[in-house]
Structures are given as structure tokens and as C-alpha cells.
């Protein structure tokens, strides 16, 4: 087994100072009934000199193979310390996932899985990577992306694209890509030197990411940039997109809705624009309705995955700089706003907040600052039936601005880093927010700390269910990777 490009063992479990995981020799024999067997050798990636996240010593390792999103194992075997691991009898498949769990006694303390891989007769033998560490821990990696604050972490086919942001006074132009299938960080190419952009995924095949808005040469950017893992294309002459502090929301039918924001130095707009592919060409079209309450710095959250699911627009500031209390609901199919009888008022109007969809279809509003510029500790939850309701409070040490809120595979929310108030020192605290289904409140509990305090960073769920944390620092530091519990990661 190759172990993250570091130590290799022929058998047994290595336990020297640098090795953090028992590293058995592993071979997975994959075969159909009438075909010759194929040996797949997963590569085990490990934290870089991070003993707190190490999965050693372990008493047992269990290896299972299953189809993606399936709870039924095709094969499962457990091995005690010192045993060489070989798992025969796995059938071919186009979506196989290799799972590895580490036990101390009866406690499952470590977990890792590959992204889905295809294994078929007559094809190249895959060497899928599997990141294995202690659960609910942040692990430092052996890669150091460019330091970028305020940039984007964009999901793309299970990998993460790192786009935009600034390093000191200078915009970061290089787009980087982290691929969990290989464990490698690579450079895709440069984008324009602009700041304050937003992005959304355009539902093409293959999908493409559209980067929208921002400040370019002291004015609004009048172009779009479209990127995937192969390159970057610039599309000019989109003056309607020359805005900052707007939102971009992907719809289930593949369109993107760009909402609100403001031209640099001008009041907020209520404009809503559709970005869509028409006969192979990306076009921008202003829809026939505008927000009743023009705003900037708001959130726009799609309420589910159904076709035509409405988009909730909430928070942000108006032309006077005051937070907007009233939320609005945009209906994509009819391209209408909910009628005036729809009245939903935030309990604490805010800007700079995060809005995340919860497992029950409600939206959780986290952090931000109020009309006086003070941090908002109150959590509130929105549903179409009840409007905004009190959902508890953030812990006093949690970041309220410049933090990240990431939905984990089990539906809980990972809150990482940020600042406790504007201009405060970044924090390395992290928390898990979980909906209490009995009373609708949200429990927020501490989890592991970051190795490096970060604010304005990027956090992205990868195809193996781990969360990549990058940027948010003035200097170059290694990326970190949070390993959630196994729940929801099948």
C-alpha cells in the first residue's frame, strides 16, 4: 500500500515517529465471475506531522467495499494488528467506494473512504486515494495553497476549485484545484484581478462554474468568467453584472439567478437576472420582476431540490446602510415574487451572515452584524409555514463574520473560524450546529480546533465527505482537512 507518498510497508503496522496510521499492506481483489481478478491498491493519504489527528495505535481495521450511496456492503472484513490485508471477491462496478475504519477496542475512532471509482475488466487499474485520520479532527495537509482571504471554495465534480480573494492588497489571480482522487493540488490558470466576486454552478454537461461581479480596475466587472477543471474562458459585454455584494443561486433546472447587489459606489439594486445556456451560448437576461426591497450583502437560499423550488432572499442592507428586515421569496418558474401577503420579518435584521438549508427544509441564519454594527449571536430559523423563529444562540467564542458554514454529509453544519466582531483577531474555534427535531432549536457544540486561526477562508466538502479548509491567513500555511463522523458518508 502506498501511504500518502511517505512511508511504505510490506506488511504489519508501522509505528515510527512520523507514521500516524497503522499502514497494512492492502490489496483489494476485484473480479467478475468469469473474468480474471484485478488487484486495486488504494493509496492511504495521511495528515502531515499532525499527531493529534493520527489514527494510531489501532487494534483493528475494517475494510468494506460498497456501491456509492449504498448501505449494503459487497464485502467486509476485519483485520487485527499485524495482519496483512487482502480482500478478495469484490465484483466489478462503475461506482465502487472503499471504506476503512479504525478501532481501539470496540470504539470506531478513525475513518476514511475513497471517492467513487470505476473498476472494469480490460481498463486501467485505479489507485484511488483514501484520507484516513481520527474522526471529528482537523488534520494539517502536506499542501499549501496560495494565501487568499475572501476567495471562493467552489465544488466541482467532487474536487475543490479555489478562486479569487486577495493576499494583502493584491488580488489572487491563480485558480487552484485540489483533487481528493489523487491528493494533488494543481493550478488551473489565471482569472482577472478582481475582488468581491460570487459564483454558481451552471447546469451544463459537463458542469461549468460562472464567476460573477466584483470590482475590476476600480469599477464593476462587466464580464463573466466560466471555468472548469480544464481551463478558464472570459465572456465580455455584460454590463448588467457590474455589481458587488450580489448573490448567485443555482437552480435545479441548471439556470443561475443573480440577485441584488450594487454597482460600486452606488445604492443597492433590486434587479434579478437569469444566467443560462441558450444554443451553446451563455446569455444574461433581466427578468420581469425586481425586489421590492433593493439590497446588498444579503443571502439567497434555494428551498430544496425540487424543480421550481423558491429562493429566499433575506438580510443585507438598503440604500441608507440599514439592515433589511423583510425577506422576499422568488419563484423561478413563474419568475414572480411572493405576493404582498407574504410577510416574513427577521427577528434580528443583519448583514454579513450565513444562511444554510437544514434537513427539514428550513433555513438557519447564523452570525452577521446588526444595525449598530454589533455581532449577532442569535440564531433564527425560517420556514414557509412559520416565518422566522428563535433557534438559540451562538457560543460567545464563535465567529460571527468571515466564518464558514458547511453542511456535512449527515446534515449538521460545521462552523469554522471567523471573527467574533468586525476587525477582531481571527479565531481557530469550530462548532457543530444540529437541528433539534423536537422543539426546532439548534444545538451548537464545540468540535476540534483549527491548527491555524482563519477568517475569510474557504471551506468545501469533497467527494469523500471530508471538508477542505484553505486560505483566510496573511501568510502561506498548509491546508487543513476536517474528518466528519462516518454517518451520511456512504
Protein backbone atom coordinates (compact mmCIF):
# COMPACT_ATOMS: atom_id res chain seq x y z
CA UNK A 1 0.00 0.00 0.00
CA UNK A 2 1.26 3.45 -0.84
CA UNK A 3 0.85 5.70 2.17
CA UNK A 4 0.40 9.32 1.10
CA UNK A 5 3.68 9.42 -0.77
CA UNK A 6 5.59 8.98 2.51
CA UNK A 7 6.32 5.64 4.14
CA UNK A 8 5.68 2.29 2.55
CA UNK A 9 5.42 -1.04 4.32
CA UNK A 10 5.44 -4.57 3.05
CA UNK A 11 3.30 -5.83 5.91
CA UNK A 12 2.42 -5.30 9.54
CA UNK A 13 1.79 -1.88 11.04
CA UNK A 14 4.39 0.84 11.07
CA UNK A 15 4.70 2.84 14.29
CA UNK A 16 7.70 5.13 13.99
CA UNK A 17 7.61 8.81 14.99
CA UNK A 18 6.47 10.11 11.59
CA UNK A 19 3.87 7.47 10.84
CA UNK A 20 0.49 8.35 12.23
CA UNK A 21 -1.54 5.44 10.97
CA UNK A 22 -1.09 1.71 11.08
CA UNK A 23 -0.15 1.03 7.48
CA UNK A 24 -1.01 -2.54 6.49
CA UNK A 25 -0.16 -3.96 3.12
CA UNK A 26 -3.53 -3.81 1.38
CA UNK A 27 -4.81 -5.40 -1.78
CA UNK A 28 -8.41 -5.47 -2.97
CA UNK A 29 -9.04 -8.25 -5.47
CA UNK A 30 -11.86 -7.21 -7.80
CA UNK A 31 -13.32 -9.64 -10.32
CA UNK A 32 -16.45 -10.63 -12.16
CA UNK A 33 -17.42 -14.30 -12.12
CA UNK A 34 -15.89 -15.13 -15.49
CA UNK A 35 -13.05 -12.63 -15.62
CA UNK A 36 -9.52 -12.66 -14.30
CA UNK A 37 -9.10 -10.85 -10.97
CA UNK A 38 -7.79 -7.31 -10.80
CA UNK A 39 -5.82 -6.03 -7.81
CA UNK A 40 -6.72 -2.49 -6.75
CA UNK A 41 -4.28 -0.86 -4.32
CA UNK A 42 -5.76 2.19 -2.59
CA UNK A 43 -3.37 4.95 -1.58
CA UNK A 44 -3.74 5.99 2.05
CA UNK A 45 -3.22 9.74 2.50
CA UNK A 46 -2.23 10.91 5.95
CA UNK A 47 -2.04 14.18 7.88
CA UNK A 48 1.34 15.88 7.68
CA UNK A 49 3.11 15.66 11.04
CA UNK A 50 -0.18 16.13 12.89
CA UNK A 51 -0.15 13.68 15.76
CA UNK A 52 -3.44 14.85 17.23
CA UNK A 53 -5.28 13.57 14.16
CA UNK A 54 -3.28 10.39 13.79
CA UNK A 55 -5.12 7.11 13.75
CA UNK A 56 -2.59 5.15 15.80
CA UNK A 57 -2.25 2.95 17.65
CA UNK A 58 -5.19 0.89 16.42
CA UNK A 59 -6.32 -2.56 17.46
CA UNK A 60 -8.32 -3.41 14.34
CA UNK A 61 -9.04 -2.17 10.86
CA UNK A 62 -12.24 -2.95 8.96
CA UNK A 63 -12.27 -2.61 5.20
CA UNK A 64 -15.53 -2.63 3.27
CA UNK A 65 -16.43 -2.10 -0.38
CA UNK A 66 -19.86 -0.90 -1.48
CA UNK A 67 -21.61 0.92 -4.27
CA UNK A 68 -21.80 4.68 -3.78
CA UNK A 69 -24.78 5.78 -1.64
CA UNK A 70 -25.47 2.17 -0.65
CA UNK A 71 -25.56 0.88 2.93
CA UNK A 72 -25.14 -2.68 1.70
CA UNK A 73 -21.52 -3.86 1.69
CA UNK A 74 -20.39 -6.02 -1.18
CA UNK A 75 -17.62 -7.33 1.04
CA UNK A 76 -16.46 -6.57 4.57
CA UNK A 77 -13.51 -7.93 6.51
CA UNK A 78 -11.81 -7.05 9.78
CA UNK A 79 -8.10 -7.42 10.43
CA UNK A 80 -6.16 -7.41 13.69
CA UNK A 81 -2.87 -5.69 14.25
CA UNK A 82 -0.04 -7.25 12.31
CA UNK A 83 -2.20 -8.99 9.73
CA UNK A 84 -1.63 -8.38 6.06
CA UNK A 85 -4.83 -7.21 4.44
CA UNK A 86 -6.18 -8.78 1.29
CA UNK A 87 -9.86 -8.56 0.39
CA UNK A 88 -10.92 -10.92 -2.42
CA UNK A 89 -14.22 -11.40 -4.16
CA UNK A 90 -15.32 -7.84 -4.93
CA UNK A 91 -17.34 -7.56 -8.17
CA UNK A 92 -16.61 -5.02 -10.84
CA UNK A 93 -18.61 -1.81 -10.71
CA UNK A 94 -18.70 1.72 -12.06
CA UNK A 95 -19.27 3.36 -8.65
CA UNK A 96 -17.27 1.41 -6.07
CA UNK A 97 -16.33 3.07 -2.77
CA UNK A 98 -13.65 1.67 -0.45
CA UNK A 99 -14.31 2.34 3.26
CA UNK A 100 -11.73 1.93 6.03
CA UNK A 101 -12.49 2.15 9.77
CA UNK A 102 -10.00 2.03 12.63
CA UNK A 103 -10.91 0.67 16.06
CA UNK A 104 -9.49 0.93 19.55
CA UNK A 105 -11.30 -1.77 21.44
CA UNK A 106 -14.93 -1.52 20.35
CA UNK A 107 -14.71 2.22 19.55
CA UNK A 108 -14.58 3.36 15.95
CA UNK A 109 -12.07 6.22 16.27
CA UNK A 110 -10.93 6.68 12.68
CA UNK A 111 -12.50 6.54 9.26
CA UNK A 112 -11.78 7.23 5.63
CA UNK A 113 -13.26 6.44 2.27
CA UNK A 114 -12.40 6.87 -1.37
CA UNK A 115 -14.50 8.80 -3.79
CA UNK A 116 -16.45 6.56 -6.16
CA UNK A 117 -14.26 4.80 -8.73
CA UNK A 118 -14.97 2.62 -11.73
CA UNK A 119 -13.38 -0.82 -11.89
CA UNK A 120 -13.95 -2.89 -15.02
CA UNK A 121 -12.23 -5.65 -16.92
CA UNK A 122 -9.77 -4.50 -19.57
CA UNK A 123 -9.44 -0.99 -18.14
CA UNK A 124 -6.62 0.75 -16.32
CA UNK A 125 -6.35 -0.33 -12.70
CA UNK A 126 -7.33 2.63 -10.47
CA UNK A 127 -5.31 3.73 -7.46
CA UNK A 128 -7.95 5.65 -5.51
CA UNK A 129 -6.82 7.84 -2.61
CA UNK A 130 -8.31 7.41 0.84
CA UNK A 131 -7.77 10.06 3.52
CA UNK A 132 -7.61 8.25 6.86
CA UNK A 133 -7.49 10.08 10.19
CA UNK A 134 -9.24 10.31 13.52
CA UNK A 135 -12.88 11.34 13.24
CA UNK A 136 -14.04 14.88 14.20
CA UNK A 137 -10.49 16.19 13.90
CA UNK A 138 -8.80 18.81 11.73
CA UNK A 139 -5.63 17.47 10.12
CA UNK A 140 -2.90 19.56 8.54
CA UNK A 141 -2.05 18.53 4.98
CA UNK A 142 1.19 18.47 3.06
CA UNK A 143 -0.07 21.08 0.58
CA UNK A 144 -0.02 24.87 0.93
CA UNK A 145 -2.37 26.75 -1.42
CA UNK A 146 -1.80 30.42 -2.07
CA UNK A 147 -2.91 32.61 0.84
CA UNK A 148 -6.24 34.08 -0.19
CA UNK A 149 -8.70 35.97 2.02
CA UNK A 150 -12.27 36.41 0.84
CA UNK A 151 -11.85 33.96 -2.01
CA UNK A 152 -14.20 31.20 -3.11
CA UNK A 153 -14.11 27.49 -2.49
CA UNK A 154 -16.12 26.01 -5.35
CA UNK A 155 -17.31 22.39 -5.57
CA UNK A 156 -16.56 20.83 -8.91
CA UNK A 157 -17.14 17.15 -9.67
CA UNK A 158 -16.07 16.17 -6.16
CA UNK A 159 -12.94 18.32 -6.18
CA UNK A 160 -12.47 21.90 -4.95
CA UNK A 161 -11.62 24.93 -7.07
CA UNK A 162 -10.02 27.85 -5.18
CA UNK A 163 -10.80 31.15 -6.88
CA UNK A 164 -10.24 34.85 -6.23
CA UNK A 165 -9.65 36.57 -2.94
CA UNK A 166 -6.73 38.78 -2.03
CA UNK A 167 -3.31 38.41 -0.48
CA UNK A 168 -2.64 41.66 1.31
CA UNK A 169 -3.52 44.49 -1.10
CA UNK A 170 -3.24 42.32 -4.22
CA UNK A 171 -5.93 40.12 -5.77
CA UNK A 172 -5.04 36.45 -6.17
CA UNK A 173 -5.42 35.53 -9.83
CA UNK A 174 -4.37 31.90 -9.96
CA UNK A 175 -7.14 29.32 -9.75
CA UNK A 176 -6.07 26.20 -7.87
CA UNK A 177 -7.69 22.78 -7.82
CA UNK A 178 -7.48 20.16 -5.08
CA UNK A 179 -8.40 16.67 -6.21
CA UNK A 180 -9.13 14.14 -3.44
CA UNK A 181 -8.91 11.34 -6.01
CA UNK A 182 -5.16 11.99 -6.31
CA UNK A 183 -4.40 14.10 -3.22
CA UNK A 184 -2.80 16.69 -5.51
CA UNK A 185 -3.04 20.49 -5.66
CA UNK A 186 -2.67 21.94 -9.16
CA UNK A 187 -3.02 25.28 -10.95
CA UNK A 188 -5.85 25.61 -13.49
CA UNK A 189 -4.89 29.08 -14.75
CA UNK A 190 -5.36 32.80 -14.06
CA UNK A 191 -8.56 34.81 -13.73
CA UNK A 192 -8.89 38.58 -13.93
CA UNK A 193 -7.56 40.55 -10.95
CA UNK A 194 -10.91 41.42 -9.35
CA UNK A 195 -12.29 41.18 -5.83
CA UNK A 196 -15.73 40.63 -4.29
CA UNK A 197 -16.97 38.05 -6.79
CA UNK A 198 -19.70 35.46 -6.39
CA UNK A 199 -20.13 32.16 -8.19
CA UNK A 200 -22.66 29.49 -9.04
CA UNK A 201 -22.71 26.24 -10.96
CA UNK A 202 -24.27 26.32 -14.43
CA UNK A 203 -26.09 23.08 -15.15
CA UNK A 204 -24.33 22.10 -18.36
CA UNK A 205 -22.69 18.80 -19.25
CA UNK A 206 -20.03 18.83 -18.03
CA UNK A 207 -21.00 21.48 -15.47
CA UNK A 208 -19.21 24.82 -15.51
CA UNK A 209 -18.70 27.42 -12.81
CA UNK A 210 -19.65 31.02 -13.61
CA UNK A 211 -17.77 33.72 -11.67
CA UNK A 212 -19.83 36.90 -11.49
CA UNK A 213 -19.47 40.54 -10.46
CA UNK A 214 -16.81 42.13 -8.30
CA UNK A 215 -14.56 45.17 -8.64
CA UNK A 216 -12.18 45.35 -11.60
CA UNK A 217 -9.93 48.34 -12.33
CA UNK A 218 -11.80 50.43 -9.71
CA UNK A 219 -15.16 49.74 -11.39
CA UNK A 220 -17.65 46.94 -11.66
CA UNK A 221 -16.60 43.91 -13.71
CA UNK A 222 -18.58 43.86 -16.97
CA UNK A 223 -17.59 40.30 -17.83
CA UNK A 224 -18.18 36.75 -16.72
CA UNK A 225 -15.54 34.08 -16.32
CA UNK A 226 -16.50 30.47 -16.93
CA UNK A 227 -14.26 27.74 -15.63
CA UNK A 228 -13.98 24.03 -15.14
CA UNK A 229 -11.06 21.76 -14.29
CA UNK A 230 -9.57 22.23 -17.75
CA UNK A 231 -9.43 25.98 -18.14
CA UNK A 232 -10.98 29.43 -17.94
CA UNK A 233 -12.99 31.38 -20.51
CA UNK A 234 -13.78 35.11 -20.31
CA UNK A 235 -17.05 36.44 -21.73
CA UNK A 236 -17.29 40.23 -22.18
CA UNK A 237 -20.04 42.84 -22.55
CA UNK A 238 -22.23 42.03 -19.55
CA UNK A 239 -22.65 45.48 -18.07
CA UNK A 240 -25.65 44.36 -16.02
CA UNK A 241 -23.31 42.16 -13.98
CA UNK A 242 -21.05 45.05 -12.89
CA UNK A 243 -22.17 44.72 -9.26
CA UNK A 244 -20.76 43.84 -5.87
CA UNK A 245 -22.39 42.21 -2.84
CA UNK A 246 -24.90 40.39 -5.05
CA UNK A 247 -25.85 36.73 -4.78
CA UNK A 248 -25.76 33.92 -7.34
CA UNK A 249 -28.04 30.92 -6.80
CA UNK A 250 -28.04 27.75 -8.90
CA UNK A 251 -31.47 26.33 -9.73
CA UNK A 252 -32.28 22.67 -10.22
CA UNK A 253 -33.00 23.28 -13.92
CA UNK A 254 -29.42 24.49 -14.48
CA UNK A 255 -30.02 28.24 -14.54
CA UNK A 256 -28.36 30.78 -12.25
CA UNK A 257 -30.25 33.67 -10.66
CA UNK A 258 -28.13 36.76 -9.87
CA UNK A 259 -29.97 38.90 -7.33
CA UNK A 260 -29.46 42.40 -5.92
CA UNK A 261 -26.13 43.92 -5.05
CA UNK A 262 -24.96 47.34 -6.16
CA UNK A 263 -22.69 48.94 -8.75
CA UNK A 264 -19.54 50.09 -6.90
CA UNK A 265 -20.25 53.36 -5.07
CA UNK A 266 -23.97 53.31 -5.90
CA UNK A 267 -27.12 52.33 -4.00
CA UNK A 268 -28.37 48.73 -3.99
CA UNK A 269 -30.47 47.46 -6.86
CA UNK A 270 -33.45 45.13 -6.84
CA UNK A 271 -32.54 43.63 -10.20
CA UNK A 272 -32.84 39.89 -10.76
CA UNK A 273 -31.00 38.38 -13.73
CA UNK A 274 -31.04 34.92 -15.25
CA UNK A 275 -27.79 33.38 -16.48
CA UNK A 276 -28.47 30.42 -18.74
CA UNK A 277 -27.15 28.44 -21.67
CA UNK A 278 -29.01 29.06 -24.93
CA UNK A 279 -27.95 27.04 -28.00
CA UNK A 280 -24.48 26.64 -26.55
CA UNK A 281 -24.09 30.32 -25.66
CA UNK A 282 -24.22 31.75 -22.15
CA UNK A 283 -26.71 34.60 -22.01
CA UNK A 284 -27.84 37.03 -19.32
CA UNK A 285 -31.49 38.11 -19.21
CA UNK A 286 -33.13 40.56 -16.84
CA UNK A 287 -36.34 39.01 -15.51
CA UNK A 288 -39.55 41.00 -15.44
CA UNK A 289 -39.72 41.49 -11.69
CA UNK A 290 -37.47 43.29 -9.20
CA UNK A 291 -37.05 43.04 -5.46
CA UNK A 292 -39.49 45.18 -3.51
CA UNK A 293 -36.60 45.95 -1.15
CA UNK A 294 -33.33 46.54 -3.06
CA UNK A 295 -30.42 45.21 -1.02
CA UNK A 296 -26.71 44.33 -0.94
CA UNK A 297 -24.84 41.85 1.20
CA UNK A 298 -27.86 39.57 1.58
CA UNK A 299 -28.26 35.82 1.21
CA UNK A 300 -30.33 33.94 -1.38
CA UNK A 301 -31.14 30.33 -0.47
CA UNK A 302 -32.93 27.79 -2.66
CA UNK A 303 -35.54 25.99 -0.55
CA UNK A 304 -34.88 22.42 -1.64
CA UNK A 305 -34.04 20.42 -4.74
CA UNK A 306 -37.47 20.26 -6.37
CA UNK A 307 -37.83 21.84 -9.80
CA UNK A 308 -39.12 25.36 -9.23
CA UNK A 309 -38.12 25.46 -5.56
CA UNK A 310 -38.42 29.09 -4.43
CA UNK A 311 -35.41 31.21 -3.43
CA UNK A 312 -35.46 33.03 -0.08
CA UNK A 313 -33.79 36.47 -0.16
CA UNK A 314 -33.02 37.76 3.34
CA UNK A 315 -30.95 40.31 5.19
CA UNK A 316 -28.44 42.67 3.62
CA UNK A 317 -28.56 46.47 3.69
CA UNK A 318 -30.61 49.13 1.89
CA UNK A 319 -29.53 52.44 0.36
CA UNK A 320 -29.11 54.01 3.80
CA UNK A 321 -26.88 51.17 5.01
CA UNK A 322 -29.56 49.85 7.38
CA UNK A 323 -30.18 46.06 7.50
CA UNK A 324 -33.36 45.00 5.70
CA UNK A 325 -35.78 43.20 8.00
CA UNK A 326 -38.27 41.91 5.46
CA UNK A 327 -37.47 38.77 3.49
CA UNK A 328 -38.69 38.09 -0.05
CA UNK A 329 -39.46 34.89 -1.89
CA UNK A 330 -38.65 34.49 -5.60
CA UNK A 331 -40.47 31.83 -7.64
CA UNK A 332 -38.24 30.75 -10.54
CA UNK A 333 -40.84 29.03 -12.73
CA UNK A 334 -43.26 31.94 -12.88
CA UNK A 335 -40.47 34.50 -12.35
CA UNK A 336 -42.56 36.24 -9.72
CA UNK A 337 -42.09 37.33 -6.14
CA UNK A 338 -44.43 36.07 -3.44
CA UNK A 339 -47.42 38.42 -3.12
CA UNK A 340 -47.58 41.23 -0.56
CA UNK A 341 -49.48 38.89 1.75
CA UNK A 342 -46.17 37.05 2.25
CA UNK A 343 -44.72 38.85 5.27
CA UNK A 344 -41.59 37.38 6.85
CA UNK A 345 -39.58 39.63 9.15
CA UNK A 346 -36.16 38.68 10.51
CA UNK A 347 -36.01 38.74 14.28
CA UNK A 348 -32.62 40.49 14.05
CA UNK A 349 -32.03 42.17 10.66
CA UNK A 350 -28.41 41.56 9.73
CA UNK A 351 -25.70 41.59 7.08
CA UNK A 352 -22.55 39.52 6.68
CA UNK A 353 -24.40 36.42 7.86
CA UNK A 354 -24.66 32.88 6.54
CA UNK A 355 -27.86 31.05 5.57
CA UNK A 356 -27.87 27.25 5.33
CA UNK A 357 -30.59 24.79 4.40
CA UNK A 358 -31.40 22.35 7.22
CA UNK A 359 -32.51 18.71 6.85
CA UNK A 360 -36.17 19.62 7.44
CA UNK A 361 -36.17 22.21 4.64
CA UNK A 362 -35.92 25.22 6.94
CA UNK A 363 -33.12 27.80 6.63
CA UNK A 364 -30.79 28.57 9.51
CA UNK A 365 -29.43 32.13 9.78
CA UNK A 366 -26.07 32.41 11.51
CA UNK A 367 -23.99 35.37 12.65
CA UNK A 368 -23.60 38.70 10.90
CA UNK A 369 -23.82 42.21 12.36
CA UNK A 370 -26.88 44.29 13.22
CA UNK A 371 -27.87 47.89 12.51
CA UNK A 372 -25.32 49.16 15.04
CA UNK A 373 -22.52 47.05 13.61
CA UNK A 374 -22.59 44.74 16.64
CA UNK A 375 -22.18 40.97 16.34
CA UNK A 376 -25.40 38.94 16.23
CA UNK A 377 -25.29 35.88 18.47
CA UNK A 378 -28.94 34.97 17.93
CA UNK A 379 -29.72 32.10 15.60
CA UNK A 380 -33.00 32.18 13.73
CA UNK A 381 -34.71 29.69 11.50
CA UNK A 382 -37.07 30.31 8.60
CA UNK A 383 -39.75 28.08 7.15
CA UNK A 384 -42.58 28.98 4.79
CA UNK A 385 -45.13 27.88 7.38
CA UNK A 386 -43.78 29.70 10.44
CA UNK A 387 -41.60 32.51 9.09
CA UNK A 388 -38.61 33.43 11.27
CA UNK A 389 -38.40 31.86 14.74
CA UNK A 390 -35.81 31.92 17.51
CA UNK A 391 -33.41 28.97 17.25
CA UNK A 392 -30.97 29.65 20.09
CA UNK A 393 -27.63 31.45 20.19
CA UNK A 394 -24.06 31.05 19.05
CA UNK A 395 -21.45 30.38 21.73
CA UNK A 396 -19.63 33.53 22.86
CA UNK A 397 -16.35 32.39 21.27
CA UNK A 398 -17.81 31.56 17.85
CA UNK A 399 -17.04 33.64 14.78
CA UNK A 400 -19.94 35.81 13.63
CA UNK A 401 -18.40 37.26 10.47
CA UNK A 402 -15.85 35.93 7.96
CA UNK A 403 -16.57 32.37 9.18
CA UNK A 404 -17.57 29.40 7.05
CA UNK A 405 -20.77 27.37 7.41
CA UNK A 406 -20.56 24.00 5.67
CA UNK A 407 -23.23 21.31 5.52
CA UNK A 408 -21.74 17.95 6.49
CA UNK A 409 -22.84 14.64 4.92
CA UNK A 410 -25.04 13.87 7.95
CA UNK A 411 -26.92 17.19 7.64
CA UNK A 412 -25.24 19.03 10.50
CA UNK A 413 -23.46 22.34 9.95
CA UNK A 414 -19.72 22.86 10.53
CA UNK A 415 -18.92 26.43 11.63
CA UNK A 416 -15.25 27.26 11.28
CA UNK A 417 -13.06 30.22 12.21
CA UNK A 418 -14.07 33.81 11.53
CA UNK A 419 -14.06 36.84 13.82
CA UNK A 420 -16.11 37.50 16.93
CA UNK A 421 -16.69 41.09 15.80
CA UNK A 422 -15.56 43.30 12.89
CA UNK A 423 -11.77 43.86 12.79
CA UNK A 424 -11.21 41.36 15.62
CA UNK A 425 -8.42 38.80 15.52
CA UNK A 426 -9.34 35.62 13.61
CA UNK A 427 -10.27 32.60 15.72
CA UNK A 428 -9.38 28.93 15.38
CA UNK A 429 -12.60 27.77 17.06
CA UNK A 430 -15.01 25.42 15.33
CA UNK A 431 -18.51 24.25 16.19
CA UNK A 432 -21.17 21.82 15.02
CA UNK A 433 -24.76 23.07 14.68
CA UNK A 434 -27.51 20.46 14.79
CA UNK A 435 -31.26 20.86 14.47
CA UNK A 436 -33.22 19.54 17.43
CA UNK A 437 -36.28 17.98 15.73
CA UNK A 438 -38.32 18.00 18.95
CA UNK A 439 -38.53 21.75 19.52
CA UNK A 440 -36.91 23.31 16.42
CA UNK A 441 -33.99 24.73 18.39
CA UNK A 442 -30.40 24.40 17.19
CA UNK A 443 -27.75 22.85 19.40
CA UNK A 444 -24.25 24.27 18.87
CA UNK A 445 -21.36 22.32 20.37
CA UNK A 446 -17.60 22.73 20.08
CA UNK A 447 -15.55 20.41 17.95
CA UNK A 448 -11.80 20.24 17.28
CA UNK A 449 -9.77 23.45 16.83
CA UNK A 450 -8.07 24.55 13.64
CA UNK A 451 -4.29 24.43 13.71
CA UNK A 452 -4.26 27.98 12.28
CA UNK A 453 -6.73 30.78 13.06
CA UNK A 454 -8.56 31.77 9.86
CA UNK A 455 -11.07 34.40 8.71
CA UNK A 456 -12.39 34.89 5.19
CA UNK A 457 -11.24 31.37 4.35
CA UNK A 458 -12.68 28.73 2.04
CA UNK A 459 -14.38 25.51 3.18
CA UNK A 460 -15.57 22.87 0.77
CA UNK A 461 -16.97 19.34 1.12
CA UNK A 462 -15.05 16.90 -1.08
CA UNK A 463 -16.41 13.77 -2.73
CA UNK A 464 -15.13 11.61 0.14
CA UNK A 465 -17.14 13.61 2.69
CA UNK A 466 -14.20 15.43 4.28
CA UNK A 467 -14.05 19.23 4.39
CA UNK A 468 -11.09 21.08 2.88
CA UNK A 469 -10.14 24.32 4.69
CA UNK A 470 -7.86 26.77 2.88
CA UNK A 471 -6.86 30.44 3.00
CA UNK A 472 -8.02 33.05 5.44
CA UNK A 473 -4.47 33.85 6.53
CA UNK A 474 -1.97 36.56 5.67
CA UNK A 475 0.88 34.10 5.16
CA UNK A 476 1.17 30.75 3.42
CA UNK A 477 0.07 27.88 5.66
CA UNK A 478 -0.82 24.25 4.98
CA UNK A 479 -4.42 23.43 4.14
CA UNK A 480 -6.46 21.57 6.73
CA UNK A 481 -8.99 18.80 6.34
CA UNK A 482 -11.85 18.05 8.72
CA UNK A 483 -12.86 14.41 9.02
CA UNK A 484 -16.56 14.14 9.99
CA UNK A 485 -18.07 11.00 11.53
CA UNK A 486 -18.91 8.16 9.12
CA UNK A 487 -22.65 8.90 9.28
CA UNK A 488 -24.00 10.02 5.94
CA UNK A 489 -20.82 9.23 4.06
CA UNK A 490 -21.94 6.10 2.26
